[in-house]
Amino acid sequence: MEEIRAAACESPDVGGVLFGTHEDDSIRILTWRPVPRERDEGLGLGLVRLLLAAKQDTDLQPLQPVGWFLTH
């Protein structure tokens, strides 16, 4: 949470994907990645690019996306 809070201090609108594990009725958040955004595009396109890149990221391969967020 501290990393997300620090990123939000740098930019008022930070979006990200939470990665972790999902077992039975519990979710464990282990890390997150910011959603890359260009000035003229919305969160959606950056979110798609991040999820596609996550499949190639060896640190994220054992994890799955378990949520996303957008700070305001």
PDB file of N, CA and C in Angstrom:
ATOM      1  N   MET A   1       0.815  -1.193   0.000  1.00  0.00           N
ATOM      2  CA  MET A   1       0.000   0.000   0.000  1.00  0.00           C
ATOM      3  C   MET A   1       0.860   1.258   0.000  1.00  0.00           C
ATOM      4  N   GLU A   2       1.990   1.209   0.666  1.00  0.00           N
ATOM      5  CA  GLU A   2       2.853   2.393   0.702  1.00  0.00           C
ATOM      6  C   GLU A   2       3.362   2.755  -0.691  1.00  0.00           C
ATOM      7  N   GLU A   3       3.676   1.750  -1.510  1.00  0.00           N
ATOM      8  CA  GLU A   3       4.137   2.013  -2.879  1.00  0.00           C
ATOM      9  C   GLU A   3       3.030   2.689  -3.692  1.00  0.00           C
ATOM     10  N   ILE A   4       1.811   2.222  -3.534  1.00  0.00           N
ATOM     11  CA  ILE A   4       0.686   2.813  -4.262  1.00  0.00           C
ATOM     12  C   ILE A   4       0.447   4.233  -3.782  1.00  0.00           C
ATOM     13  N   ARG A   5       0.510   4.453  -2.490  1.00  0.00           N
ATOM     14  CA  ARG A   5       0.325   5.797  -1.931  1.00  0.00           C
ATOM     15  C   ARG A   5       1.403   6.749  -2.453  1.00  0.00           C
ATOM     16  N   ALA A   6       2.646   6.295  -2.502  1.00  0.00           N
ATOM     17  CA  ALA A   6       3.745   7.124  -3.003  1.00  0.00           C
ATOM     18  C   ALA A   6       3.535   7.462  -4.483  1.00  0.00           C
ATOM     19  N   ALA A   7       3.089   6.482  -5.272  1.00  0.00           N
ATOM     20  CA  ALA A   7       2.835   6.728  -6.693  1.00  0.00           C
ATOM     21  C   ALA A   7       1.697   7.728  -6.868  1.00  0.00           C
ATOM     22  N   ALA A   8       0.687   7.660  -6.018  1.00  0.00           N
ATOM     23  CA  ALA A   8      -0.443   8.581  -6.092  1.00  0.00           C
ATOM     24  C   ALA A   8      -0.031  10.005  -5.732  1.00  0.00           C
ATOM     25  N   CYS A   9       0.980  10.148  -4.900  1.00  0.00           N
ATOM     26  CA  CYS A   9       1.478  11.490  -4.552  1.00  0.00           C
ATOM     27  C   CYS A   9       2.172  12.143  -5.738  1.00  0.00           C
ATOM     28  N   GLU A  10       2.768  11.330  -6.599  1.00  0.00           N
ATOM     29  CA  GLU A  10       3.461  11.855  -7.773  1.00  0.00           C
ATOM     30  C   GLU A  10       2.487  12.252  -8.872  1.00  0.00           C
ATOM     31  N   SER A  11       1.384  11.564  -8.981  1.00  0.00           N
ATOM     32  CA  SER A  11       0.383  11.830 -10.010  1.00  0.00           C
ATOM     33  C   SER A  11      -0.993  11.612  -9.395  1.00  0.00           C
ATOM     34  N   PRO A  12      -1.926  12.518  -9.637  1.00  0.00           N
ATOM     35  CA  PRO A  12      -3.227  12.392  -8.978  1.00  0.00           C
ATOM     36  C   PRO A  12      -4.054  11.194  -9.445  1.00  0.00           C
ATOM     37  N   ASP A  13      -3.878  10.747 -10.676  1.00  0.00           N
ATOM     38  CA  ASP A  13      -4.648   9.616 -11.194  1.00  0.00           C
ATOM     39  C   ASP A  13      -3.708   8.481 -11.558  1.00  0.00           C
ATOM     40  N   VAL A  14      -3.509   7.567 -10.641  1.00  0.00           N
ATOM     41  CA  VAL A  14      -2.664   6.410 -10.866  1.00  0.00           C
ATOM     42  C   VAL A  14      -3.560   5.183 -10.948  1.00  0.00           C
ATOM     43  N   GLY A  15      -3.359   4.397 -11.990  1.00  0.00           N
ATOM     44  CA  GLY A  15      -4.105   3.155 -12.118  1.00  0.00           C
ATOM     45  C   GLY A  15      -3.137   1.997 -12.046  1.00  0.00           C
ATOM     46  N   GLY A  16      -3.601   0.870 -11.586  1.00  0.00           N
ATOM     47  CA  GLY A  16      -2.730  -0.286 -11.491  1.00  0.00           C
ATOM     48  C   GLY A  16      -3.503  -1.579 -11.426  1.00  0.00           C
ATOM     49  N   VAL A  17      -2.765  -2.660 -11.618  1.00  0.00           N
ATOM     50  CA  VAL A  17      -3.329  -4.002 -11.515  1.00  0.00           C
ATOM     51  C   VAL A  17      -2.686  -4.682 -10.319  1.00  0.00           C
ATOM     52  N   LEU A  18      -3.502  -5.315  -9.515  1.00  0.00           N
ATOM     53  CA  LEU A  18      -3.043  -6.070  -8.349  1.00  0.00           C
ATOM     54  C   LEU A  18      -2.852  -7.523  -8.769  1.00  0.00           C
ATOM     55  N   PHE A  19      -1.697  -8.095  -8.443  1.00  0.00           N
ATOM     56  CA  PHE A  19      -1.395  -9.476  -8.788  1.00  0.00           C
ATOM     57  C   PHE A  19      -1.218 -10.285  -7.522  1.00  0.00           C
ATOM     58  N   GLY A  20      -1.671 -11.525  -7.574  1.00  0.00           N
ATOM     59  CA  GLY A  20      -1.542 -12.378  -6.403  1.00  0.00           C
ATOM     60  C   GLY A  20      -2.080 -13.765  -6.678  1.00  0.00           C
ATOM     61  N   THR A  21      -2.649 -14.356  -5.635  1.00  0.00           N
ATOM     62  CA  THR A  21      -3.191 -15.707  -5.750  1.00  0.00           C
ATOM     63  C   THR A  21      -4.644 -15.710  -5.316  1.00  0.00           C
ATOM     64  N   HIS A  22      -5.374 -16.650  -5.849  1.00  0.00           N
ATOM     65  CA  HIS A  22      -6.781 -16.817  -5.515  1.00  0.00           C
ATOM     66  C   HIS A  22      -7.013 -18.284  -5.198  1.00  0.00           C
ATOM     67  N   GLU A  23      -7.369 -18.563  -3.970  1.00  0.00           N
ATOM     68  CA  GLU A  23      -7.607 -19.936  -3.535  1.00  0.00           C
ATOM     69  C   GLU A  23      -8.907 -19.995  -2.746  1.00  0.00           C
ATOM     70  N   ASP A  24      -9.753 -20.913  -3.112  1.00  0.00           N
ATOM     71  CA  ASP A  24     -11.050 -21.086  -2.461  1.00  0.00           C
ATOM     72  C   ASP A  24     -11.751 -19.737  -2.326  1.00  0.00           C
ATOM     73  N   ASP A  25     -11.922 -19.259  -1.119  1.00  0.00           N
ATOM     74  CA  ASP A  25     -12.638 -18.001  -0.915  1.00  0.00           C
ATOM     75  C   ASP A  25     -11.728 -16.879  -0.416  1.00  0.00           C
ATOM     76  N   SER A  26     -10.432 -16.954  -0.756  1.00  0.00           N
ATOM     77  CA  SER A  26      -9.517 -15.893  -0.323  1.00  0.00           C
ATOM     78  C   SER A  26      -8.631 -15.430  -1.478  1.00  0.00           C
ATOM     79  N   ILE A  27      -8.264 -14.177  -1.402  1.00  0.00           N
ATOM     80  CA  ILE A  27      -7.362 -13.566  -2.374  1.00  0.00           C
ATOM     81  C   ILE A  27      -6.192 -13.001  -1.606  1.00  0.00           C
ATOM     82  N   ARG A  28      -4.980 -13.244  -2.094  1.00  0.00           N
ATOM     83  CA  ARG A  28      -3.780 -12.691  -1.472  1.00  0.00           C
ATOM     84  C   ARG A  28      -3.090 -11.805  -2.506  1.00  0.00           C
ATOM     85  N   ILE A  29      -2.977 -10.521  -2.202  1.00  0.00           N
ATOM     86  CA  ILE A  29      -2.308  -9.569  -3.086  1.00  0.00           C
ATOM     87  C   ILE A  29      -0.825  -9.574  -2.736  1.00  0.00           C
ATOM     88  N   LEU A  30       0.010  -9.836  -3.747  1.00  0.00           N
ATOM     89  CA  LEU A  30       1.442  -9.941  -3.515  1.00  0.00           C
ATOM     90  C   LEU A  30       2.244  -8.804  -4.151  1.00  0.00           C
ATOM     91  N   THR A  31       1.737  -8.228  -5.221  1.00  0.00           N
ATOM     92  CA  THR A  31       2.438  -7.123  -5.875  1.00  0.00           C
ATOM     93  C   THR A  31       1.456  -6.366  -6.752  1.00  0.00           C
ATOM     94  N   TRP A  32       1.932  -5.315  -7.369  1.00  0.00           N
ATOM     95  CA  TRP A  32       1.107  -4.535  -8.280  1.00  0.00           C
ATOM     96  C   TRP A  32       1.979  -3.943  -9.372  1.00  0.00           C
ATOM     97  N   ARG A  33       1.364  -3.558 -10.457  1.00  0.00           N
ATOM     98  CA  ARG A  33       2.062  -2.879 -11.544  1.00  0.00           C
ATOM     99  C   ARG A  33       1.207  -1.697 -11.977  1.00  0.00           C
ATOM    100  N   PRO A  34       1.836  -0.537 -12.219  1.00  0.00           N
ATOM    101  CA  PRO A  34       1.070   0.614 -12.701  1.00  0.00           C
ATOM    102  C   PRO A  34       0.628   0.402 -14.144  1.00  0.00           C
ATOM    103  N   VAL A  35      -0.522   0.944 -14.476  1.00  0.00           N
ATOM    104  CA  VAL A  35      -1.021   0.873 -15.846  1.00  0.00           C
ATOM    105  C   VAL A  35      -0.386   2.015 -16.633  1.00  0.00           C
ATOM    106  N   PRO A  36       0.374   1.681 -17.684  1.00  0.00           N
ATOM    107  CA  PRO A  36       0.974   2.746 -18.500  1.00  0.00           C
ATOM    108  C   PRO A  36      -0.110   3.438 -19.321  1.00  0.00           C
ATOM    109  N   ARG A  37      -0.086   4.766 -19.302  1.00  0.00           N
ATOM    110  CA  ARG A  37      -1.078   5.522 -20.070  1.00  0.00           C
ATOM    111  C   ARG A  37      -0.392   6.637 -20.829  1.00  0.00           C
ATOM    112  N   GLU A  38      -0.823   6.805 -22.051  1.00  0.00           N
ATOM    113  CA  GLU A  38      -0.413   7.958 -22.845  1.00  0.00           C
ATOM    114  C   GLU A  38      -1.410   9.073 -22.550  1.00  0.00           C
ATOM    115  N   ARG A  39      -1.036  10.281 -22.875  1.00  0.00           N
ATOM    116  CA  ARG A  39      -1.900  11.425 -22.553  1.00  0.00           C
ATOM    117  C   ARG A  39      -3.303  11.304 -23.141  1.00  0.00           C
ATOM    118  N   ASP A  40      -3.392  10.882 -24.392  1.00  0.00           N
ATOM    119  CA  ASP A  40      -4.678  10.907 -25.090  1.00  0.00           C
ATOM    120  C   ASP A  40      -5.466   9.608 -24.994  1.00  0.00           C
ATOM    121  N   GLU A  41      -4.959   8.636 -24.265  1.00  0.00           N
ATOM    122  CA  GLU A  41      -5.710   7.384 -24.178  1.00  0.00           C
ATOM    123  C   GLU A  41      -6.210   7.162 -22.767  1.00  0.00           C
ATOM    124  N   GLY A  42      -7.242   6.440 -22.664  1.00  0.00           N
ATOM    125  CA  GLY A  42      -7.828   6.156 -21.365  1.00  0.00           C
ATOM    126  C   GLY A  42      -7.131   4.990 -20.684  1.00  0.00           C
ATOM    127  N   LEU A  43      -7.686   4.595 -19.581  1.00  0.00           N
ATOM    128  CA  LEU A  43      -7.135   3.512 -18.785  1.00  0.00           C
ATOM    129  C   LEU A  43      -7.251   2.162 -19.498  1.00  0.00           C
ATOM    130  N   GLY A  44      -8.294   1.967 -20.288  1.00  0.00           N
ATOM    131  CA  GLY A  44      -8.568   0.672 -20.907  1.00  0.00           C
ATOM    132  C   GLY A  44      -7.440   0.127 -21.761  1.00  0.00           C
ATOM    133  N   LEU A  45      -6.903   0.932 -22.659  1.00  0.00           N
ATOM    134  CA  LEU A  45      -5.845   0.459 -23.551  1.00  0.00           C
ATOM    135  C   LEU A  45      -4.571   0.146 -22.779  1.00  0.00           C
ATOM    136  N   GLY A  46      -4.219   0.972 -21.825  1.00  0.00           N
ATOM    137  CA  GLY A  46      -3.049   0.704 -20.992  1.00  0.00           C
ATOM    138  C   GLY A  46      -3.226  -0.558 -20.163  1.00  0.00           C
ATOM    139  N   LEU A  47      -4.436  -0.792 -19.708  1.00  0.00           N
ATOM    140  CA  LEU A  47      -4.736  -1.989 -18.932  1.00  0.00           C
ATOM    141  C   LEU A  47      -4.545  -3.248 -19.776  1.00  0.00           C
ATOM    142  N   VAL A  48      -5.028  -3.212 -21.004  1.00  0.00           N
ATOM    143  CA  VAL A  48      -4.858  -4.353 -21.910  1.00  0.00           C
ATOM    144  C   VAL A  48      -3.376  -4.605 -22.174  1.00  0.00           C
ATOM    145  N   ARG A  49      -2.623  -3.544 -22.443  1.00  0.00           N
ATOM    146  CA  ARG A  49      -1.174  -3.703 -22.700  1.00  0.00           C
ATOM    147  C   ARG A  49      -0.471  -4.294 -21.490  1.00  0.00           C
ATOM    148  N   LEU A  50      -0.824  -3.831 -20.295  1.00  0.00           N
ATOM    149  CA  LEU A  50      -0.197  -4.343 -19.078  1.00  0.00           C
ATOM    150  C   LEU A  50      -0.502  -5.823 -18.882  1.00  0.00           C
ATOM    151  N   LEU A  51      -1.732  -6.224 -19.075  1.00  0.00           N
ATOM    152  CA  LEU A  51      -2.099  -7.631 -18.887  1.00  0.00           C
ATOM    153  C   LEU A  51      -1.395  -8.530 -19.904  1.00  0.00           C
ATOM    154  N   LEU A  52      -1.236  -8.060 -21.129  1.00  0.00           N
ATOM    155  CA  LEU A  52      -0.503  -8.839 -22.131  1.00  0.00           C
ATOM    156  C   LEU A  52       0.974  -8.934 -21.774  1.00  0.00           C
ATOM    157  N   ALA A  53       1.562  -7.842 -21.312  1.00  0.00           N
ATOM    158  CA  ALA A  53       2.981  -7.841 -20.928  1.00  0.00           C
ATOM    159  C   ALA A  53       3.210  -8.710 -19.691  1.00  0.00           C
ATOM    160  N   ALA A  54       2.217  -8.779 -18.800  1.00  0.00           N
ATOM    161  CA  ALA A  54       2.359  -9.562 -17.566  1.00  0.00           C
ATOM    162  C   ALA A  54       2.558 -11.043 -17.873  1.00  0.00           C
ATOM    163  N   LYS A  55       2.003 -11.508 -18.979  1.00  0.00           N
ATOM    164  CA  LYS A  55       2.165 -12.915 -19.355  1.00  0.00           C
ATOM    165  C   LYS A  55       3.608 -13.259 -19.669  1.00  0.00           C
ATOM    166  N   GLN A  56       4.390 -12.269 -20.061  1.00  0.00           N
ATOM    167  CA  GLN A  56       5.793 -12.474 -20.405  1.00  0.00           C
ATOM    168  C   GLN A  56       6.737 -12.165 -19.241  1.00  0.00           C
ATOM    169  N   ASP A  57       6.230 -11.546 -18.199  1.00  0.00           N
ATOM    170  CA  ASP A  57       7.037 -11.139 -17.042  1.00  0.00           C
ATOM    171  C   ASP A  57       7.254 -12.344 -16.122  1.00  0.00           C
ATOM    172  N   THR A  58       8.493 -12.797 -15.995  1.00  0.00           N
ATOM    173  CA  THR A  58       8.778 -13.996 -15.197  1.00  0.00           C
ATOM    174  C   THR A  58       8.419 -13.813 -13.717  1.00  0.00           C
ATOM    175  N   ASP A  59       8.472 -12.580 -13.218  1.00  0.00           N
ATOM    176  CA  ASP A  59       8.084 -12.333 -11.820  1.00  0.00           C
ATOM    177  C   ASP A  59       6.575 -12.502 -11.611  1.00  0.00           C
ATOM    178  N   LEU A  60       5.799 -12.270 -12.658  1.00  0.00           N
ATOM    179  CA  LEU A  60       4.350 -12.318 -12.535  1.00  0.00           C
ATOM    180  C   LEU A  60       3.741 -13.635 -13.008  1.00  0.00           C
ATOM    181  N   GLN A  61       4.515 -14.464 -13.698  1.00  0.00           N
ATOM    182  CA  GLN A  61       3.954 -15.691 -14.272  1.00  0.00           C
ATOM    183  C   GLN A  61       3.290 -16.614 -13.253  1.00  0.00           C
ATOM    184  N   PRO A  62       3.823 -16.769 -12.031  1.00  0.00           N
ATOM    185  CA  PRO A  62       3.113 -17.646 -11.092  1.00  0.00           C
ATOM    186  C   PRO A  62       1.879 -16.984 -10.465  1.00  0.00           C
ATOM    187  N   LEU A  63       1.671 -15.707 -10.744  1.00  0.00           N
ATOM    188  CA  LEU A  63       0.564 -14.958 -10.146  1.00  0.00           C
ATOM    189  C   LEU A  63      -0.535 -14.727 -11.172  1.00  0.00           C
ATOM    190  N   GLN A  64      -1.655 -14.260 -10.692  1.00  0.00           N
ATOM    191  CA  GLN A  64      -2.747 -13.898 -11.585  1.00  0.00           C
ATOM    192  C   GLN A  64      -3.276 -12.525 -11.204  1.00  0.00           C
ATOM    193  N   PRO A  65      -3.869 -11.815 -12.155  1.00  0.00           N
ATOM    194  CA  PRO A  65      -4.485 -10.536 -11.802  1.00  0.00           C
ATOM    195  C   PRO A  65      -5.663 -10.801 -10.871  1.00  0.00           C
ATOM    196  N   VAL A  66      -5.701 -10.096  -9.748  1.00  0.00           N
ATOM    197  CA  VAL A  66      -6.779 -10.300  -8.780  1.00  0.00           C
ATOM    198  C   VAL A  66      -7.598  -9.033  -8.547  1.00  0.00           C
ATOM    199  N   GLY A  67      -7.224  -7.950  -9.212  1.00  0.00           N
ATOM    200  CA  GLY A  67      -7.984  -6.714  -9.072  1.00  0.00           C
ATOM    201  C   GLY A  67      -7.271  -5.560  -9.748  1.00  0.00           C
ATOM    202  N   TRP A  68      -7.924  -4.431  -9.782  1.00  0.00           N
ATOM    203  CA  TRP A  68      -7.317  -3.226 -10.334  1.00  0.00           C
ATOM    204  C   TRP A  68      -7.844  -2.024  -9.544  1.00  0.00           C
ATOM    205  N   PHE A  69      -7.170  -0.891  -9.734  1.00  0.00           N
ATOM    206  CA  PHE A  69      -7.573   0.298  -8.989  1.00  0.00           C
ATOM    207  C   PHE A  69      -7.246   1.548  -9.789  1.00  0.00           C
ATOM    208  N   LEU A  70      -7.895   2.640  -9.428  1.00  0.00           N
ATOM    209  CA  LEU A  70      -7.617   3.957  -9.983  1.00  0.00           C
ATOM    210  C   LEU A  70      -7.747   4.947  -8.841  1.00  0.00           C
ATOM    211  N   THR A  71      -6.684   5.681  -8.548  1.00  0.00           N
ATOM    212  CA  THR A  71      -6.739   6.661  -7.474  1.00  0.00           C
ATOM    213  C   THR A  71      -7.334   7.957  -8.011  1.00  0.00           C
ATOM    214  N   HIS A  72      -7.881   8.747  -7.118  1.00  0.00           N
ATOM    215  CA  HIS A  72      -8.448  10.043  -7.475  1.00  0.00           C
ATOM    216  C   HIS A  72      -7.985  11.065  -6.473  1.00  0.00           C
TER     217      HIS A  72
END
